[in-house]
Amino acid sequence: MAAFRVPAELHGVFNQAVAAADCDKTAWLLVALRIKLNQPDSNSQMRMLELVERMEVAAAALAGGKQGITPTLYNEAALIGIVTDTIREWFDNGRVIAERLNEAGYQSKAGKAWDKDIYSAWKRQGRNADKLGVELH
């Protein structure tokens, strides 16, 4: 038996992942451990379901640009809201902000997934930094 605490910054994401998997936390953790340790589940039906899920994600990536990101067109007001909410949570980090934008499903103007470099370039463009400043104060 093992016990541990989920760090505060991962708590919400962890609970969302467990809820999305439609299982309890123990089962979710066991699946995550098996994946990390490269030890497949002994249940062949479960392995097949996992493979099908991975194939569905890969197929969606072909249509949407990046695995796990549902394409949503550029929406500046929504982006500014997500960025300011993230900064208010004390995560003024380009990588974290890009991850949050991707989790929300928003693409850049070029239709790509966000990364820290794209976020930094976006922030420097036009008046985006000023708009963020207004929202944060």
C-alpha atoms as a PDB file:
ATOM      1  CA  MET A   1       0.000   0.000   0.000  1.00  0.00           C
ATOM      2  CA  ALA A   2       1.189   3.497  -0.797  1.00  0.00           C
ATOM      3  CA  ALA A   3      -0.175   6.890   0.182  1.00  0.00           C
ATOM      4  CA  PHE A   4       0.708  10.265  -1.250  1.00  0.00           C
ATOM      5  CA  ARG A   5      -0.592  13.782  -1.717  1.00  0.00           C
ATOM      6  CA  VAL A   6      -1.382  15.274  -5.080  1.00  0.00           C
ATOM      7  CA  PRO A   7       0.345  18.680  -5.378  1.00  0.00           C
ATOM      8  CA  ALA A   8      -2.078  21.617  -5.304  1.00  0.00           C
ATOM      9  CA  GLU A   9      -1.294  22.657  -8.881  1.00  0.00           C
ATOM     10  CA  LEU A  10      -2.255  19.168 -10.142  1.00  0.00           C
ATOM     11  CA  HIS A  11      -5.314  18.594  -7.951  1.00  0.00           C
ATOM     12  CA  GLY A  12      -7.900  19.988 -10.369  1.00  0.00           C
ATOM     13  CA  VAL A  13      -6.367  18.339 -13.425  1.00  0.00           C
ATOM     14  CA  PHE A  14      -6.114  15.033 -11.560  1.00  0.00           C
ATOM     15  CA  ASN A  15      -9.792  15.125 -10.535  1.00  0.00           C
ATOM     16  CA  GLN A  16     -10.842  16.039 -14.089  1.00  0.00           C
ATOM     17  CA  ALA A  17      -8.831  13.141 -15.525  1.00  0.00           C
ATOM     18  CA  VAL A  18     -10.373  10.702 -13.052  1.00  0.00           C
ATOM     19  CA  ALA A  19     -13.880  11.989 -13.810  1.00  0.00           C
ATOM     20  CA  ALA A  20     -13.259  11.773 -17.571  1.00  0.00           C
ATOM     21  CA  ALA A  21     -12.035   8.194 -17.215  1.00  0.00           C
ATOM     22  CA  ASP A  22     -15.251   7.248 -15.412  1.00  0.00           C
ATOM     23  CA  CYS A  23     -13.447   5.226 -12.753  1.00  0.00           C
ATOM     24  CA  ASP A  24     -12.260   5.683  -9.185  1.00  0.00           C
ATOM     25  CA  LYS A  25      -8.950   7.299  -8.250  1.00  0.00           C
ATOM     26  CA  THR A  26      -7.276   3.994  -7.401  1.00  0.00           C
ATOM     27  CA  ALA A  27      -8.130   2.456 -10.776  1.00  0.00           C
ATOM     28  CA  TRP A  28      -6.969   5.606 -12.581  1.00  0.00           C
ATOM     29  CA  LEU A  29      -3.669   5.608 -10.698  1.00  0.00           C
ATOM     30  CA  LEU A  30      -3.092   1.926 -11.454  1.00  0.00           C
ATOM     31  CA  VAL A  31      -3.625   2.538 -15.166  1.00  0.00           C
ATOM     32  CA  ALA A  32      -1.249   5.526 -15.050  1.00  0.00           C
ATOM     33  CA  LEU A  33       1.379   3.440 -13.233  1.00  0.00           C
ATOM     34  CA  ARG A  34       1.067   0.599 -15.724  1.00  0.00           C
ATOM     35  CA  ILE A  35       1.483   3.021 -18.609  1.00  0.00           C
ATOM     36  CA  LYS A  36       4.477   4.730 -17.006  1.00  0.00           C
ATOM     37  CA  LEU A  37       6.119   1.405 -16.154  1.00  0.00           C
ATOM     38  CA  ASN A  38       5.225  -0.047 -19.558  1.00  0.00           C
ATOM     39  CA  GLN A  39       3.343  -2.910 -17.912  1.00  0.00           C
ATOM     40  CA  PRO A  40       0.146  -3.585 -19.871  1.00  0.00           C
ATOM     41  CA  ASP A  41      -3.031  -4.633 -18.136  1.00  0.00           C
ATOM     42  CA  SER A  42      -3.465  -8.404 -18.050  1.00  0.00           C
ATOM     43  CA  ASN A  43      -7.088  -8.007 -19.170  1.00  0.00           C
ATOM     44  CA  SER A  44      -7.083  -8.236 -22.981  1.00  0.00           C
ATOM     45  CA  GLN A  45     -10.396  -6.369 -23.306  1.00  0.00           C
ATOM     46  CA  MET A  46      -9.001  -3.425 -21.337  1.00  0.00           C
ATOM     47  CA  ARG A  47      -5.879  -3.385 -23.504  1.00  0.00           C
ATOM     48  CA  MET A  48      -8.037  -3.344 -26.628  1.00  0.00           C
ATOM     49  CA  LEU A  49     -10.140  -0.457 -25.266  1.00  0.00           C
ATOM     50  CA  GLU A  50      -6.972   1.511 -24.472  1.00  0.00           C
ATOM     51  CA  LEU A  51      -5.676   0.940 -28.003  1.00  0.00           C
ATOM     52  CA  VAL A  52      -8.977   2.057 -29.524  1.00  0.00           C
ATOM     53  CA  GLU A  53      -8.926   5.218 -27.381  1.00  0.00           C
ATOM     54  CA  ARG A  54      -5.370   5.992 -28.485  1.00  0.00           C
ATOM     55  CA  MET A  55      -6.353   5.462 -32.124  1.00  0.00           C
ATOM     56  CA  GLU A  56      -9.333   7.815 -31.716  1.00  0.00           C
ATOM     57  CA  VAL A  57      -7.059  10.505 -30.264  1.00  0.00           C
ATOM     58  CA  ALA A  58      -4.590  10.015 -33.122  1.00  0.00           C
ATOM     59  CA  ALA A  59      -7.397  10.229 -35.704  1.00  0.00           C
ATOM     60  CA  ALA A  60      -8.677  13.434 -34.092  1.00  0.00           C
ATOM     61  CA  ALA A  61      -5.138  14.821 -34.270  1.00  0.00           C
ATOM     62  CA  LEU A  62      -5.108  14.297 -38.023  1.00  0.00           C
ATOM     63  CA  ALA A  63      -8.196  16.454 -38.309  1.00  0.00           C
ATOM     64  CA  GLY A  64      -7.335  18.963 -35.603  1.00  0.00           C
ATOM     65  CA  GLY A  65      -3.593  19.437 -35.635  1.00  0.00           C
ATOM     66  CA  LYS A  66      -2.395  18.068 -32.284  1.00  0.00           C
ATOM     67  CA  GLN A  67      -3.347  15.072 -30.178  1.00  0.00           C
ATOM     68  CA  GLY A  68      -5.819  15.776 -27.438  1.00  0.00           C
ATOM     69  CA  ILE A  69      -6.685  19.250 -28.670  1.00  0.00           C
ATOM     70  CA  THR A  70     -10.118  19.803 -30.100  1.00  0.00           C
ATOM     71  CA  PRO A  71      -9.754  22.590 -32.645  1.00  0.00           C
ATOM     72  CA  THR A  72     -11.511  25.807 -31.628  1.00  0.00           C
ATOM     73  CA  LEU A  73     -11.027  28.888 -33.742  1.00  0.00           C
ATOM     74  CA  TYR A  74      -9.048  31.858 -32.448  1.00  0.00           C
ATOM     75  CA  ASN A  75     -11.094  33.897 -29.971  1.00  0.00           C
ATOM     76  CA  GLU A  76      -9.124  36.791 -28.502  1.00  0.00           C
ATOM     77  CA  ALA A  77     -11.561  37.588 -25.682  1.00  0.00           C
ATOM     78  CA  ALA A  78     -11.588  33.961 -24.519  1.00  0.00           C
ATOM     79  CA  LEU A  79      -7.793  33.757 -24.753  1.00  0.00           C
ATOM     80  CA  ILE A  80      -7.329  36.887 -22.655  1.00  0.00           C
ATOM     81  CA  GLY A  81      -9.734  35.472 -20.077  1.00  0.00           C
ATOM     82  CA  ILE A  82      -7.826  32.186 -19.833  1.00  0.00           C
ATOM     83  CA  VAL A  83      -4.452  33.941 -19.669  1.00  0.00           C
ATOM     84  CA  THR A  84      -5.552  36.375 -16.951  1.00  0.00           C
ATOM     85  CA  ASP A  85      -7.197  33.602 -14.914  1.00  0.00           C
ATOM     86  CA  THR A  86      -3.988  31.585 -15.134  1.00  0.00           C
ATOM     87  CA  ILE A  87      -1.837  34.550 -14.091  1.00  0.00           C
ATOM     88  CA  ARG A  88      -4.195  35.261 -11.176  1.00  0.00           C
ATOM     89  CA  GLU A  89      -3.493  31.705  -9.997  1.00  0.00           C
ATOM     90  CA  TRP A  90       0.204  32.724  -9.790  1.00  0.00           C
ATOM     91  CA  PHE A  91       1.177  30.848 -12.951  1.00  0.00           C
ATOM     92  CA  ASP A  92       2.765  33.644 -15.009  1.00  0.00           C
ATOM     93  CA  ASN A  93       4.691  31.096 -17.051  1.00  0.00           C
ATOM     94  CA  GLY A  94       4.438  30.810 -20.835  1.00  0.00           C
ATOM     95  CA  ARG A  95       4.526  27.025 -20.796  1.00  0.00           C
ATOM     96  CA  VAL A  96       1.709  26.767 -18.222  1.00  0.00           C
ATOM     97  CA  ILE A  97      -0.379  29.384 -20.024  1.00  0.00           C
ATOM     98  CA  ALA A  98       0.079  27.613 -23.378  1.00  0.00           C
ATOM     99  CA  GLU A  99      -0.968  24.336 -21.751  1.00  0.00           C
ATOM    100  CA  ARG A 100      -4.132  25.953 -20.360  1.00  0.00           C
ATOM    101  CA  LEU A 101      -4.997  27.443 -23.756  1.00  0.00           C
ATOM    102  CA  ASN A 102      -4.557  24.020 -25.370  1.00  0.00           C
ATOM    103  CA  GLU A 103      -6.646  22.322 -22.668  1.00  0.00           C
ATOM    104  CA  ALA A 104      -9.413  24.828 -23.387  1.00  0.00           C
ATOM    105  CA  GLY A 105      -9.165  23.831 -27.050  1.00  0.00           C
ATOM    106  CA  TYR A 106      -8.134  27.186 -28.496  1.00  0.00           C
ATOM    107  CA  GLN A 107      -5.808  27.398 -31.461  1.00  0.00           C
ATOM    108  CA  SER A 108      -3.487  30.244 -32.375  1.00  0.00           C
ATOM    109  CA  LYS A 109      -4.355  32.587 -35.264  1.00  0.00           C
ATOM    110  CA  ALA A 110      -2.369  30.244 -37.514  1.00  0.00           C
ATOM    111  CA  GLY A 111      -4.544  27.308 -36.430  1.00  0.00           C
ATOM    112  CA  LYS A 112      -1.784  25.666 -34.397  1.00  0.00           C
ATOM    113  CA  ALA A 113      -1.561  24.387 -30.857  1.00  0.00           C
ATOM    114  CA  TRP A 114      -0.063  26.837 -28.378  1.00  0.00           C
ATOM    115  CA  ASP A 115       3.457  26.553 -26.991  1.00  0.00           C
ATOM    116  CA  LYS A 116       5.493  29.009 -24.909  1.00  0.00           C
ATOM    117  CA  ASP A 117       7.076  30.605 -27.976  1.00  0.00           C
ATOM    118  CA  ILE A 118       3.762  31.150 -29.763  1.00  0.00           C
ATOM    119  CA  TYR A 119       2.305  32.589 -26.538  1.00  0.00           C
ATOM    120  CA  SER A 120       5.282  34.960 -26.105  1.00  0.00           C
ATOM    121  CA  ALA A 121       4.967  36.153 -29.709  1.00  0.00           C
ATOM    122  CA  TRP A 122       1.200  36.638 -29.290  1.00  0.00           C
ATOM    123  CA  LYS A 123       1.742  38.642 -26.106  1.00  0.00           C
ATOM    124  CA  ARG A 124       4.168  40.989 -27.922  1.00  0.00           C
ATOM    125  CA  GLN A 125       1.818  41.486 -30.894  1.00  0.00           C
ATOM    126  CA  GLY A 126      -0.274  44.619 -31.126  1.00  0.00           C
ATOM    127  CA  ARG A 127      -1.815  45.599 -27.834  1.00  0.00           C
ATOM    128  CA  ASN A 128      -2.205  42.131 -26.318  1.00  0.00           C
ATOM    129  CA  ALA A 129       0.135  42.891 -23.396  1.00  0.00           C
ATOM    130  CA  ASP A 130      -1.815  46.104 -22.701  1.00  0.00           C
ATOM    131  CA  LYS A 131      -5.118  44.213 -22.822  1.00  0.00           C
ATOM    132  CA  LEU A 132      -3.778  41.691 -20.310  1.00  0.00           C
ATOM    133  CA  GLY A 133      -2.600  44.527 -18.062  1.00  0.00           C
ATOM    134  CA  VAL A 134      -6.050  46.138 -18.103  1.00  0.00           C
ATOM    135  CA  GLU A 135      -7.737  42.829 -17.239  1.00  0.00           C
ATOM    136  CA  LEU A 136      -5.317  42.111 -14.399  1.00  0.00           C
ATOM    137  CA  HIS A 137      -5.779  45.493 -12.708  1.00  0.00           C
END
